[in-house]
N, C-alpha and C. Protein backbone atom coordinates (compact mmCIF):
# COMPACT_ATOMS: atom_id res chain seq x y z
N MET A 1 70.11 90.51 76.75
CA MET A 1 71.40 91.03 76.87
C MET A 1 72.04 91.44 75.50
N ASN A 2 72.29 92.90 75.44
CA ASN A 2 72.82 93.23 74.43
C ASN A 2 74.30 93.12 74.07
N ARG A 3 74.70 93.35 72.63
CA ARG A 3 75.98 92.63 72.16
C ARG A 3 77.25 93.32 73.17
N ARG A 4 77.00 94.58 73.43
CA ARG A 4 78.18 95.38 74.05
C ARG A 4 78.18 94.85 75.37
N GLN A 5 77.10 94.66 76.06
CA GLN A 5 77.12 94.11 77.61
C GLN A 5 77.58 92.72 77.28
N ALA A 6 77.25 91.93 76.34
CA ALA A 6 77.79 90.62 76.42
C ALA A 6 79.40 90.30 76.10
N LEU A 7 79.74 91.26 75.25
CA LEU A 7 81.27 91.21 75.15
C LEU A 7 82.01 91.76 76.20
N ARG A 8 81.19 92.77 77.18
CA ARG A 8 81.73 93.29 78.39
C ARG A 8 82.11 91.90 79.35
N ASN A 9 81.08 91.22 79.17
CA ASN A 9 80.89 89.87 80.34
C ASN A 9 81.74 89.14 79.83
N ILE A 10 82.15 88.67 78.46
CA ILE A 10 83.08 87.53 78.27
C ILE A 10 84.21 87.30 78.94
N GLY A 11 84.81 88.44 79.41
CA GLY A 11 85.90 88.53 80.35
C GLY A 11 86.04 87.79 81.58
N LEU A 12 85.06 87.09 81.62
CA LEU A 12 84.78 86.34 82.93
C LEU A 12 84.90 87.44 84.32
N GLY A 13 84.40 88.79 83.95
CA GLY A 13 84.40 89.57 85.07
C GLY A 13 85.54 90.25 85.55
N ALA A 14 86.82 89.78 84.55
CA ALA A 14 88.09 90.55 85.28
C ALA A 14 88.33 92.05 85.00
N GLY A 15 87.18 92.56 84.52
CA GLY A 15 87.30 93.83 84.61
C GLY A 15 86.71 94.33 85.93
N ALA A 16 86.12 93.55 86.86
CA ALA A 16 85.64 94.10 88.18
C ALA A 16 86.69 93.44 89.09
N ILE A 17 88.05 93.38 88.74
CA ILE A 17 88.99 92.84 89.75
C ILE A 17 88.74 93.56 90.97
N ILE A 18 88.80 92.74 92.03
CA ILE A 18 88.91 93.30 93.38
C ILE A 18 90.13 94.00 93.61
N VAL A 19 90.05 95.21 94.09
CA VAL A 19 91.10 96.18 94.37
C VAL A 19 91.34 96.44 95.68
N GLY A 20 92.11 96.07 96.57
CA GLY A 20 92.45 96.70 97.80
C GLY A 20 93.73 96.68 98.43
N PRO A 21 93.91 97.03 99.56
CA PRO A 21 95.42 97.26 99.82
C PRO A 21 96.15 95.73 99.72
N GLY A 22 95.30 94.39 99.86
CA GLY A 22 95.92 93.21 99.98
C GLY A 22 96.31 92.77 98.45
N THR A 23 95.31 93.24 97.38
CA THR A 23 95.43 92.89 95.89
C THR A 23 96.65 93.97 95.41
N LEU A 24 96.89 94.82 95.75
CA LEU A 24 98.18 96.00 95.22
C LEU A 24 99.25 95.45 96.10
N SER A 25 99.36 94.98 97.44
CA SER A 25 100.39 94.17 98.14
C SER A 25 100.78 93.04 97.33
N LEU A 26 100.13 92.20 96.75
CA LEU A 26 100.16 90.88 96.17
C LEU A 26 101.12 91.28 94.97
N LEU A 27 100.60 92.23 94.37
CA LEU A 27 101.21 92.72 92.85
C LEU A 27 102.33 93.22 93.01
N HIS A 28 102.83 93.92 93.92
CA HIS A 28 104.17 94.22 94.27
C HIS A 28 105.08 93.29 94.76
N SER A 29 104.51 92.71 95.41
CA SER A 29 105.34 91.44 95.95
C SER A 29 105.86 90.52 94.98
N CYS A 30 105.00 90.10 93.82
CA CYS A 30 105.42 89.46 92.87
C CYS A 30 106.59 89.77 91.76
N LYS A 31 106.89 91.12 91.97
CA LYS A 31 107.98 91.86 91.13
C LYS A 31 109.47 91.00 91.87
N SER A 32 109.41 90.80 93.06
CA SER A 32 110.95 90.02 93.77
C SER A 32 110.99 88.70 93.68
N GLU A 33 110.11 88.07 92.98
CA GLU A 33 110.23 86.47 93.00
C GLU A 33 110.86 86.20 91.60
N PRO A 34 112.07 85.82 91.64
CA PRO A 34 112.69 85.31 90.35
C PRO A 34 112.29 84.33 89.49
N GLU A 35 111.80 84.88 88.38
CA GLU A 35 110.95 84.14 87.19
C GLU A 35 111.48 82.73 87.16
N TYR A 36 112.63 82.53 86.99
CA TYR A 36 113.08 80.90 86.63
C TYR A 36 112.83 80.11 87.98
N ASP A 37 112.45 80.64 89.13
CA ASP A 37 112.35 79.87 90.31
C ASP A 37 110.40 79.63 90.55
N TRP A 38 109.73 80.17 89.64
CA TRP A 38 108.28 80.39 89.74
C TRP A 38 107.73 78.88 89.37
N GLN A 39 106.89 78.49 90.41
CA GLN A 39 105.84 77.17 90.35
C GLN A 39 104.54 77.81 90.82
N PRO A 40 103.62 77.44 89.78
CA PRO A 40 102.29 78.05 89.77
C PRO A 40 101.76 77.31 91.29
N VAL A 41 101.06 77.97 91.49
CA VAL A 41 99.94 77.57 93.01
C VAL A 41 98.71 77.44 92.84
N PHE A 42 98.03 78.34 91.64
CA PHE A 42 96.68 77.95 91.55
C PHE A 42 96.59 77.23 90.05
N LEU A 43 97.37 77.54 89.05
CA LEU A 43 97.43 76.86 87.80
C LEU A 43 98.28 75.72 87.75
N SER A 44 98.08 74.73 86.87
CA SER A 44 98.92 73.59 86.44
C SER A 44 100.14 74.13 85.93
N ALA A 45 101.33 73.37 85.81
CA ALA A 45 102.53 73.78 85.24
C ALA A 45 102.42 74.05 83.72
N ALA A 46 101.38 73.49 82.95
CA ALA A 46 101.31 73.71 81.55
C ALA A 46 100.54 74.87 81.58
N GLN A 47 99.61 75.11 82.31
CA GLN A 47 98.91 76.44 82.32
C GLN A 47 99.88 77.71 82.63
N GLY A 48 100.48 77.52 83.37
CA GLY A 48 101.66 78.51 83.61
C GLY A 48 102.43 78.91 82.70
N TYR A 49 102.85 77.76 81.94
CA TYR A 49 103.88 77.99 80.84
C TYR A 49 103.09 78.67 79.69
N THR A 50 101.66 78.41 79.27
CA THR A 50 100.98 79.09 78.56
C THR A 50 100.52 80.53 78.80
N LEU A 51 100.42 80.80 80.05
CA LEU A 51 100.14 82.19 80.44
C LEU A 51 101.36 82.92 80.45
N LYS A 52 102.31 82.61 80.63
CA LYS A 52 103.33 83.61 80.42
C LYS A 52 103.70 83.64 79.01
N ASN A 53 103.64 82.71 78.15
CA ASN A 53 103.72 83.06 76.80
C ASN A 53 102.75 83.88 76.28
N VAL A 54 101.54 83.80 76.77
CA VAL A 54 100.25 84.71 76.13
C VAL A 54 100.63 86.10 76.59
N LEU A 55 100.85 86.46 77.73
CA LEU A 55 101.33 87.54 78.46
C LEU A 55 102.42 88.19 77.83
N GLU A 56 103.52 87.64 77.44
CA GLU A 56 104.66 88.16 76.45
C GLU A 56 104.23 88.53 75.31
N ILE A 57 103.16 88.06 74.71
CA ILE A 57 102.82 88.37 73.32
C ILE A 57 101.76 89.63 73.66
N ILE A 58 100.93 89.58 74.70
CA ILE A 58 100.14 90.87 74.79
C ILE A 58 100.88 92.18 75.19
N ILE A 59 101.95 91.75 76.18
CA ILE A 59 102.51 92.83 76.91
C ILE A 59 104.00 92.44 76.75
N PRO A 60 104.61 92.56 75.46
CA PRO A 60 105.90 92.41 74.94
C PRO A 60 106.95 93.31 75.59
N LYS A 61 108.38 93.25 75.77
CA LYS A 61 109.02 94.12 76.45
C LYS A 61 109.75 95.04 74.85
N THR A 62 109.43 96.46 75.05
CA THR A 62 109.87 97.32 74.21
C THR A 62 110.81 98.15 74.83
N ASP A 63 110.62 99.48 74.70
CA ASP A 63 111.23 100.32 75.48
C ASP A 63 110.89 100.40 76.76
N THR A 64 109.76 99.74 77.26
CA THR A 64 109.07 99.74 78.70
C THR A 64 109.27 98.19 78.88
N PRO A 65 109.15 98.03 80.25
CA PRO A 65 109.20 96.67 80.71
C PRO A 65 108.06 95.73 80.19
N GLY A 66 108.11 94.43 80.07
CA GLY A 66 107.07 93.52 79.51
C GLY A 66 106.56 92.78 80.57
N ALA A 67 105.78 91.87 80.46
CA ALA A 67 105.08 90.95 81.36
C ALA A 67 105.98 90.37 81.89
N SER A 68 106.93 89.82 81.38
CA SER A 68 108.10 88.88 82.22
C SER A 68 108.73 89.65 83.16
N ASP A 69 109.39 90.74 82.80
CA ASP A 69 110.01 91.71 83.53
C ASP A 69 109.26 92.13 84.91
N LEU A 70 107.68 92.00 84.87
CA LEU A 70 107.36 92.50 85.93
C LEU A 70 106.43 90.99 86.86
N ASN A 71 106.72 89.98 86.52
CA ASN A 71 106.35 88.77 86.97
C ASN A 71 104.71 88.84 86.86
N ILE A 72 104.06 89.27 85.99
CA ILE A 72 102.53 89.50 85.87
C ILE A 72 101.85 88.15 85.79
N ALA A 73 102.46 86.86 85.18
CA ALA A 73 102.09 85.73 85.18
C ALA A 73 101.89 85.35 86.57
N GLN A 74 103.19 85.39 87.20
CA GLN A 74 103.12 85.09 88.85
C GLN A 74 101.78 85.90 89.59
N PHE A 75 101.64 87.21 89.34
CA PHE A 75 100.52 87.99 90.04
C PHE A 75 99.11 87.20 89.65
N ILE A 76 98.89 87.07 88.32
CA ILE A 76 97.68 86.29 88.04
C ILE A 76 97.22 85.11 88.83
N ASP A 77 98.34 84.07 88.70
CA ASP A 77 98.30 82.74 89.26
C ASP A 77 97.89 83.08 90.96
N SER A 78 98.68 83.96 91.37
CA SER A 78 98.44 84.22 93.10
C SER A 78 97.09 85.06 93.19
N TYR A 79 96.78 85.90 92.36
CA TYR A 79 95.30 86.63 92.48
C TYR A 79 94.31 85.67 92.47
N MET A 80 94.22 84.78 91.52
CA MET A 80 93.18 83.51 91.48
C MET A 80 93.17 82.82 92.70
N ASP A 81 94.44 82.43 93.23
CA ASP A 81 94.38 81.59 94.02
C ASP A 81 94.21 82.24 95.45
N GLU A 82 94.32 83.51 95.72
CA GLU A 82 94.09 84.05 97.01
C GLU A 82 93.22 85.21 97.30
N VAL A 83 92.86 85.73 96.19
CA VAL A 83 91.83 87.01 95.92
C VAL A 83 90.59 86.60 95.39
N ALA A 84 90.30 86.17 94.13
CA ALA A 84 89.42 85.84 93.25
C ALA A 84 88.50 84.83 94.07
N ASP A 85 87.15 85.25 93.81
CA ASP A 85 86.00 84.32 94.69
C ASP A 85 85.96 82.90 93.85
N GLU A 86 84.98 82.14 94.40
CA GLU A 86 85.07 80.70 94.09
C GLU A 86 84.40 80.78 92.35
N GLN A 87 83.39 81.51 91.93
CA GLN A 87 83.11 81.62 90.66
C GLN A 87 83.80 82.01 89.78
N ARG A 88 84.52 83.03 90.34
CA ARG A 88 85.63 83.49 88.78
C ARG A 88 86.73 82.32 88.89
N ARG A 89 87.04 81.77 90.05
CA ARG A 89 88.26 80.68 89.79
C ARG A 89 87.95 79.63 89.05
N LYS A 90 86.49 79.24 89.26
CA LYS A 90 85.84 78.24 88.25
C LYS A 90 85.89 78.73 86.98
N ARG A 91 85.34 79.82 86.62
CA ARG A 91 85.19 80.38 85.31
C ARG A 91 86.65 80.16 84.58
N PHE A 92 87.60 80.78 85.38
CA PHE A 92 88.89 80.97 84.86
C PHE A 92 89.46 79.59 84.50
N THR A 93 89.49 78.71 85.54
CA THR A 93 89.80 77.33 85.25
C THR A 93 89.37 76.57 83.91
N GLU A 94 87.93 76.82 83.88
CA GLU A 94 87.11 76.21 82.66
C GLU A 94 88.05 76.83 81.44
N ALA A 95 87.88 78.29 81.06
CA ALA A 95 88.19 78.86 80.07
C ALA A 95 89.80 78.55 79.74
N ALA A 96 90.64 78.34 80.75
CA ALA A 96 92.10 77.97 80.65
C ALA A 96 92.09 76.41 79.94
N ASN A 97 91.13 75.53 80.57
CA ASN A 97 90.99 74.24 79.78
C ASN A 97 90.56 74.20 78.39
N ALA A 98 89.69 75.25 78.30
CA ALA A 98 89.30 75.40 76.87
C ALA A 98 90.38 75.71 75.87
N PHE A 99 91.09 76.75 76.32
CA PHE A 99 92.16 77.26 75.58
C PHE A 99 92.97 76.20 75.29
N SER A 100 93.34 75.23 76.18
CA SER A 100 94.26 74.11 76.26
C SER A 100 93.59 73.04 75.05
N SER A 101 92.43 72.91 74.96
CA SER A 101 91.69 72.04 73.91
C SER A 101 91.78 72.60 72.57
N ALA A 102 91.91 74.18 72.56
CA ALA A 102 91.84 74.77 71.16
C ALA A 102 92.89 74.84 70.71
N PHE A 103 94.25 74.88 71.62
CA PHE A 103 95.39 74.67 71.18
C PHE A 103 95.98 73.39 70.54
N GLU A 104 95.42 72.33 71.43
CA GLU A 104 95.82 70.98 71.03
C GLU A 104 94.93 70.86 69.65
N THR A 105 93.77 71.27 69.41
CA THR A 105 93.16 71.09 68.21
C THR A 105 93.78 71.75 66.88
N GLU A 106 94.20 73.10 67.19
CA GLU A 106 95.16 73.72 66.09
C GLU A 106 96.27 73.05 65.85
N TYR A 107 97.17 72.55 66.53
CA TYR A 107 98.29 72.24 66.54
C TYR A 107 98.81 70.79 66.71
N GLU A 108 97.79 69.97 67.10
CA GLU A 108 97.60 68.74 67.47
C GLU A 108 98.98 68.33 68.32
N LYS A 109 99.16 69.24 69.18
CA LYS A 109 100.04 68.70 70.42
C LYS A 109 99.60 69.56 71.83
N ALA A 110 100.11 69.12 72.87
CA ALA A 110 99.94 69.88 74.09
C ALA A 110 100.43 71.39 73.96
N GLN A 111 99.55 72.15 74.98
CA GLN A 111 99.88 73.50 75.23
C GLN A 111 101.36 73.76 75.65
N GLU A 112 102.05 72.82 76.39
CA GLU A 112 103.28 72.85 76.90
C GLU A 112 104.20 72.62 75.94
N GLU A 113 103.93 72.13 74.98
CA GLU A 113 104.76 71.72 73.77
C GLU A 113 104.77 73.07 72.55
N GLY A 114 104.11 73.98 73.04
CA GLY A 114 104.05 74.93 72.24
C GLY A 114 105.30 75.99 72.01
N VAL A 115 105.36 76.66 71.00
CA VAL A 115 106.47 77.69 70.64
C VAL A 115 105.66 79.16 70.68
N LYS A 116 106.75 80.18 70.51
CA LYS A 116 106.39 81.52 70.53
C LYS A 116 105.51 81.68 69.44
N GLN A 117 105.80 81.28 68.24
CA GLN A 117 104.82 81.42 66.87
C GLN A 117 103.72 81.10 67.08
N GLU A 118 103.47 79.68 67.62
CA GLU A 118 102.34 79.28 67.67
C GLU A 118 101.18 79.85 68.63
N PHE A 119 101.92 80.36 69.88
CA PHE A 119 101.16 81.22 70.58
C PHE A 119 100.75 82.64 70.10
N GLU A 120 101.37 83.17 69.35
CA GLU A 120 101.40 84.44 68.80
C GLU A 120 100.28 84.25 67.84
N GLU A 121 100.28 82.97 67.05
CA GLU A 121 98.95 82.75 66.10
C GLU A 121 97.83 82.41 66.35
N ILE A 122 97.58 81.83 67.88
CA ILE A 122 96.49 81.45 68.36
C ILE A 122 96.06 82.64 69.02
N THR A 123 96.77 83.39 69.63
CA THR A 123 96.44 84.66 70.42
C THR A 123 95.72 85.56 69.41
N ARG A 124 96.43 86.09 68.30
CA ARG A 124 95.90 86.80 67.00
C ARG A 124 94.46 86.11 66.60
N LYS A 125 94.34 84.82 66.37
CA LYS A 125 93.30 84.22 66.09
C LYS A 125 92.07 84.74 66.71
N TYR A 126 92.10 84.59 68.10
CA TYR A 126 91.01 84.90 69.00
C TYR A 126 90.87 86.49 69.31
N LEU A 127 91.72 87.22 69.47
CA LEU A 127 91.75 88.63 70.32
C LEU A 127 91.79 89.47 68.95
N LYS A 128 92.12 88.98 67.89
CA LYS A 128 91.74 90.02 66.61
C LYS A 128 90.59 89.66 65.57
N ALA A 129 89.81 88.76 66.29
CA ALA A 129 88.69 88.02 65.58
C ALA A 129 87.87 89.26 65.06
N SER A 130 86.99 89.04 63.80
CA SER A 130 86.10 90.01 63.55
C SER A 130 84.98 90.12 64.42
N PRO A 131 84.33 91.42 64.50
CA PRO A 131 83.02 91.50 65.55
C PRO A 131 82.43 90.62 65.10
N ALA A 132 81.84 89.99 64.11
CA ALA A 132 81.01 89.17 63.71
C ALA A 132 81.46 87.65 64.67
N GLU A 133 82.64 87.56 64.52
CA GLU A 133 83.20 86.19 65.24
C GLU A 133 83.15 86.51 66.75
N GLN A 134 83.42 87.51 67.07
CA GLN A 134 83.47 87.95 68.54
C GLN A 134 82.09 87.72 69.13
N GLU A 135 81.12 88.10 68.44
CA GLU A 135 79.83 87.99 68.74
C GLU A 135 79.38 86.47 68.90
N GLN A 136 80.01 85.54 67.73
CA GLN A 136 79.61 84.23 67.80
C GLN A 136 80.04 83.64 69.21
N TYR A 137 81.40 84.00 69.51
CA TYR A 137 81.88 83.31 70.76
C TYR A 137 81.28 83.63 71.95
N VAL A 138 80.39 84.72 71.94
CA VAL A 138 79.58 85.23 73.02
C VAL A 138 78.47 84.58 73.18
N THR A 139 77.84 84.13 71.91
CA THR A 139 76.55 83.45 71.78
C THR A 139 76.75 81.98 72.28
N ARG A 140 77.80 81.60 71.94
CA ARG A 140 78.14 79.84 71.98
C ARG A 140 78.47 79.85 73.56
N LEU A 141 79.33 80.78 74.09
CA LEU A 141 79.84 80.72 75.65
C LEU A 141 78.39 80.72 76.36
N THR A 142 77.45 81.71 76.08
CA THR A 142 76.35 82.13 76.82
C THR A 142 75.32 80.87 76.75
N GLU A 143 75.51 80.29 75.53
CA GLU A 143 74.46 79.10 75.40
C GLU A 143 74.87 77.91 76.13
N THR A 144 76.43 77.84 76.43
CA THR A 144 77.06 76.71 76.96
C THR A 144 76.74 76.78 78.45
N GLN A 145 76.85 78.24 78.92
CA GLN A 145 76.72 78.50 80.44
C GLN A 145 75.27 78.14 80.70
N ASP A 146 74.48 78.52 80.07
CA ASP A 146 72.88 78.36 79.96
C ASP A 146 72.64 76.97 80.44
N ALA A 147 73.28 75.84 79.60
CA ALA A 147 73.42 74.40 79.60
C ALA A 147 73.86 73.88 80.61
N GLN A 148 74.89 74.64 81.31
CA GLN A 148 75.62 73.93 82.67
C GLN A 148 74.84 74.01 83.70
N LYS A 149 73.73 75.14 83.66
CA LYS A 149 72.63 75.20 85.04
C LYS A 149 71.93 73.71 85.21
N GLN A 150 71.66 73.02 83.84
CA GLN A 150 71.02 71.74 84.12
C GLN A 150 72.04 70.49 83.91
N GLN A 151 73.31 70.90 83.38
CA GLN A 151 74.20 69.80 83.15
C GLN A 151 75.50 70.26 83.92
N THR A 152 75.99 70.01 85.07
CA THR A 152 77.01 70.77 85.76
C THR A 152 78.39 70.23 85.40
N GLU A 153 78.33 68.92 84.48
CA GLU A 153 79.53 68.34 84.25
C GLU A 153 79.88 68.78 82.77
N MET A 154 79.14 69.60 82.13
CA MET A 154 79.12 70.01 80.80
C MET A 154 80.53 70.92 80.57
N GLY A 155 81.22 70.43 79.67
CA GLY A 155 82.30 71.59 79.56
C GLY A 155 82.06 72.83 78.68
N ILE A 156 82.69 73.92 78.42
CA ILE A 156 82.37 74.90 77.69
C ILE A 156 82.94 74.76 76.34
N ASP A 157 82.24 75.61 75.55
CA ASP A 157 82.88 75.54 73.96
C ASP A 157 84.29 75.75 73.89
N ALA A 158 85.13 75.34 73.13
CA ALA A 158 86.60 75.35 73.11
C ALA A 158 86.79 76.48 72.51
N ASP A 159 86.29 77.05 71.50
CA ASP A 159 86.73 78.27 70.96
C ASP A 159 86.07 79.45 71.76
N ALA A 160 85.06 79.51 72.07
CA ALA A 160 84.30 80.50 73.05
C ALA A 160 85.45 80.65 74.18
N GLY A 161 85.54 79.68 74.97
CA GLY A 161 86.15 79.56 76.19
C GLY A 161 87.63 79.74 75.98
N ALA A 162 88.18 79.74 74.76
CA ALA A 162 89.55 79.99 74.46
C ALA A 162 89.72 81.69 74.29
N TYR A 163 88.33 82.09 73.63
CA TYR A 163 88.51 83.64 73.58
C TYR A 163 88.41 84.25 75.24
N ALA A 164 87.39 83.91 75.96
CA ALA A 164 87.30 84.42 77.14
C ALA A 164 88.55 84.19 77.79
N TYR A 165 89.21 83.14 77.77
CA TYR A 165 90.35 82.92 78.51
C TYR A 165 91.33 84.04 78.13
N LEU A 166 91.66 84.14 76.86
CA LEU A 166 92.71 85.41 76.43
C LEU A 166 92.00 86.91 76.76
N THR A 167 90.70 86.90 76.82
CA THR A 167 90.43 88.38 76.92
C THR A 167 90.56 88.82 78.64
N THR A 168 90.35 87.54 79.37
CA THR A 168 90.59 88.07 80.84
C THR A 168 91.96 88.04 81.14
N VAL A 169 92.94 87.19 80.42
CA VAL A 169 94.50 87.44 80.53
C VAL A 169 94.67 88.71 80.28
N ARG A 170 94.24 89.51 79.25
CA ARG A 170 94.38 90.66 78.69
C ARG A 170 94.10 91.84 79.50
N GLU A 171 93.01 91.45 80.12
CA GLU A 171 92.41 92.36 81.02
C GLU A 171 93.22 92.53 82.43
N LEU A 172 93.60 91.46 82.93
CA LEU A 172 94.24 91.11 84.23
C LEU A 172 95.50 91.65 84.02
N GLY A 173 96.18 91.23 82.75
CA GLY A 173 97.69 91.65 82.77
C GLY A 173 97.88 93.28 82.28
N ILE A 174 96.88 93.96 81.89
CA ILE A 174 97.06 95.27 81.67
C ILE A 174 96.69 96.00 82.92
N TRP A 175 95.76 95.55 83.66
CA TRP A 175 95.66 96.20 84.92
C TRP A 175 96.84 96.14 86.00
N ALA A 176 97.18 95.04 85.79
CA ALA A 176 98.84 94.49 86.51
C ALA A 176 99.69 95.57 86.01
N TRP A 177 99.88 95.62 84.98
CA TRP A 177 100.95 96.32 84.30
C TRP A 177 100.98 97.81 84.92
N LYS A 178 99.70 98.41 84.36
CA LYS A 178 99.56 100.05 84.71
C LYS A 178 99.64 99.83 85.99
N ASN A 179 99.25 99.26 87.00
CA ASN A 179 99.27 99.48 88.58
C ASN A 179 100.63 98.90 89.26
N SER A 180 101.70 98.30 88.51
CA SER A 180 102.86 98.06 89.15
C SER A 180 103.74 99.29 89.40
N GLU A 181 104.64 99.06 90.48
CA GLU A 181 105.20 100.13 90.82
C GLU A 181 106.20 100.59 89.63
N GLU A 182 107.03 100.02 89.09
CA GLU A 182 107.84 100.20 87.96
C GLU A 182 107.26 101.01 86.88
N ILE A 183 106.09 100.64 86.38
CA ILE A 183 105.46 101.39 85.44
C ILE A 183 104.87 102.37 86.08
N GLY A 184 104.23 102.54 87.36
CA GLY A 184 103.72 103.71 87.62
C GLY A 184 104.70 104.96 88.13
N GLU A 185 105.86 104.44 88.56
CA GLU A 185 107.13 105.32 88.67
C GLU A 185 107.67 105.99 87.85
N ASN A 186 107.90 105.08 86.69
CA ASN A 186 109.03 105.36 85.76
C ASN A 186 108.75 105.63 84.36
N VAL A 187 107.43 105.21 84.01
CA VAL A 187 106.66 105.27 82.84
C VAL A 187 105.69 106.10 82.67
N MET A 188 104.54 105.73 83.61
CA MET A 188 103.55 106.90 83.55
C MET A 188 103.87 108.25 84.15
N TRP A 189 102.86 109.31 84.30
CA TRP A 189 103.04 110.59 84.90
C TRP A 189 102.92 109.91 86.49
N TYR A 190 104.15 110.46 87.11
CA TYR A 190 103.98 110.04 88.48
C TYR A 190 104.34 111.31 89.44
N ASP A 191 103.47 111.55 90.59
CA ASP A 191 103.55 112.63 91.25
C ASP A 191 103.01 112.19 92.52
N PRO A 192 104.32 111.91 93.21
CA PRO A 192 104.12 111.49 94.79
C PRO A 192 103.18 112.35 95.63
N ILE A 193 103.37 113.77 95.28
CA ILE A 193 102.69 114.67 96.13
C ILE A 193 101.60 115.39 95.15
N PRO A 194 100.90 114.95 94.70
CA PRO A 194 99.63 115.74 93.86
C PRO A 194 98.95 116.85 94.53
N GLY A 195 98.92 117.94 93.58
CA GLY A 195 98.43 119.15 93.91
C GLY A 195 96.95 119.40 93.48
N ILE A 196 96.56 120.78 93.20
CA ILE A 196 95.31 120.62 92.90
C ILE A 196 94.80 120.15 91.38
N TYR A 197 93.72 119.87 91.13
CA TYR A 197 93.29 119.93 89.86
C TYR A 197 93.39 120.73 88.88
N ILE A 198 94.14 120.61 87.68
CA ILE A 198 94.02 121.72 86.55
C ILE A 198 93.53 121.20 85.24
N ALA A 199 92.31 121.75 84.79
CA ALA A 199 91.67 121.16 83.85
C ALA A 199 92.54 121.23 82.47
N CYS A 200 93.00 122.53 82.48
CA CYS A 200 93.98 122.86 81.32
C CYS A 200 95.32 123.65 81.73
N GLY A 201 96.22 123.26 80.97
CA GLY A 201 97.43 123.78 80.99
C GLY A 201 98.28 123.52 80.34
N PRO A 202 99.83 124.05 80.25
CA PRO A 202 100.80 123.35 79.56
C PRO A 202 101.22 121.93 79.27
N ASN A 203 101.09 121.35 78.20
CA ASN A 203 101.51 119.91 78.13
C ASN A 203 102.46 119.35 78.69
N ASP A 204 103.57 120.45 78.72
CA ASP A 204 104.67 119.91 79.36
C ASP A 204 104.98 119.71 80.84
N GLU A 205 103.98 120.49 81.52
CA GLU A 205 103.68 120.72 82.98
C GLU A 205 102.59 119.86 83.44
N LEU A 206 102.12 118.83 82.50
CA LEU A 206 101.05 118.10 83.05
C LEU A 206 101.31 116.71 82.40
N GLY A 207 102.56 116.00 82.40
CA GLY A 207 102.94 114.71 82.21
C GLY A 207 103.14 114.70 80.77
N ASN A 208 103.17 115.57 79.97
CA ASN A 208 103.48 115.56 78.39
C ASN A 208 102.42 114.46 77.75
N GLY A 209 101.50 114.30 78.12
CA GLY A 209 100.31 113.62 77.51
C GLY A 209 100.14 112.16 78.10
N LYS A 210 101.07 111.84 79.02
CA LYS A 210 100.82 110.54 79.87
C LYS A 210 99.85 110.38 80.97
N ALA A 211 99.19 109.27 81.05
CA ALA A 211 98.38 109.11 81.94
C ALA A 211 98.77 109.00 83.28
N MET A 212 98.23 109.89 84.57
CA MET A 212 98.68 109.90 85.53
C MET A 212 98.81 108.63 86.63
N SER A 213 99.73 108.09 87.13
CA SER A 213 99.78 107.11 87.86
C SER A 213 99.01 107.25 88.99
N LEU A 214 98.26 106.11 89.81
CA LEU A 214 97.30 106.16 90.88
C LEU A 214 98.16 106.23 92.04
């Protein structure tokens, strides 16, 4: 496996998210659930708290809605519970547990006691790691996964698992953000009745450089 392929795989397959009417319906249904009433279904309460904090760092509210505005944490929790296959759920759980261990090692306290600055620091540590560090995480995770084939109870490496967790959350979060109704209709270039394909044309007639909403 070359490095590029290995780095693509580190995200636990999130890039190959199962997209269908049920997934999109699930995404759109999450927008109506009040954030303060949310109780995770697939994740533990501590993992849900961490997921919300991490997503708010990756997709903060600026002049466009952030992850919390669109209930993306709720979507990821529901996606893992209702749509993801057993292998993906298992890997995501292992990675979430690895992130919890990495956080506890870094700050000597449980993740549910973490504050915004700490989540910013640990997210930056892994997602902005150097290419050499990323490659090391990939190698360590691959070695651990190979060992798990013989030792099913063996846990994954905490640092490599934390990197995989954050990579997966980033991929799923950005996918959900871009495919949400709010972003699709009010932020991206939205045309409810698209016409013919135009390869070249005036910028102001082709979305002003914005990506087109699906």
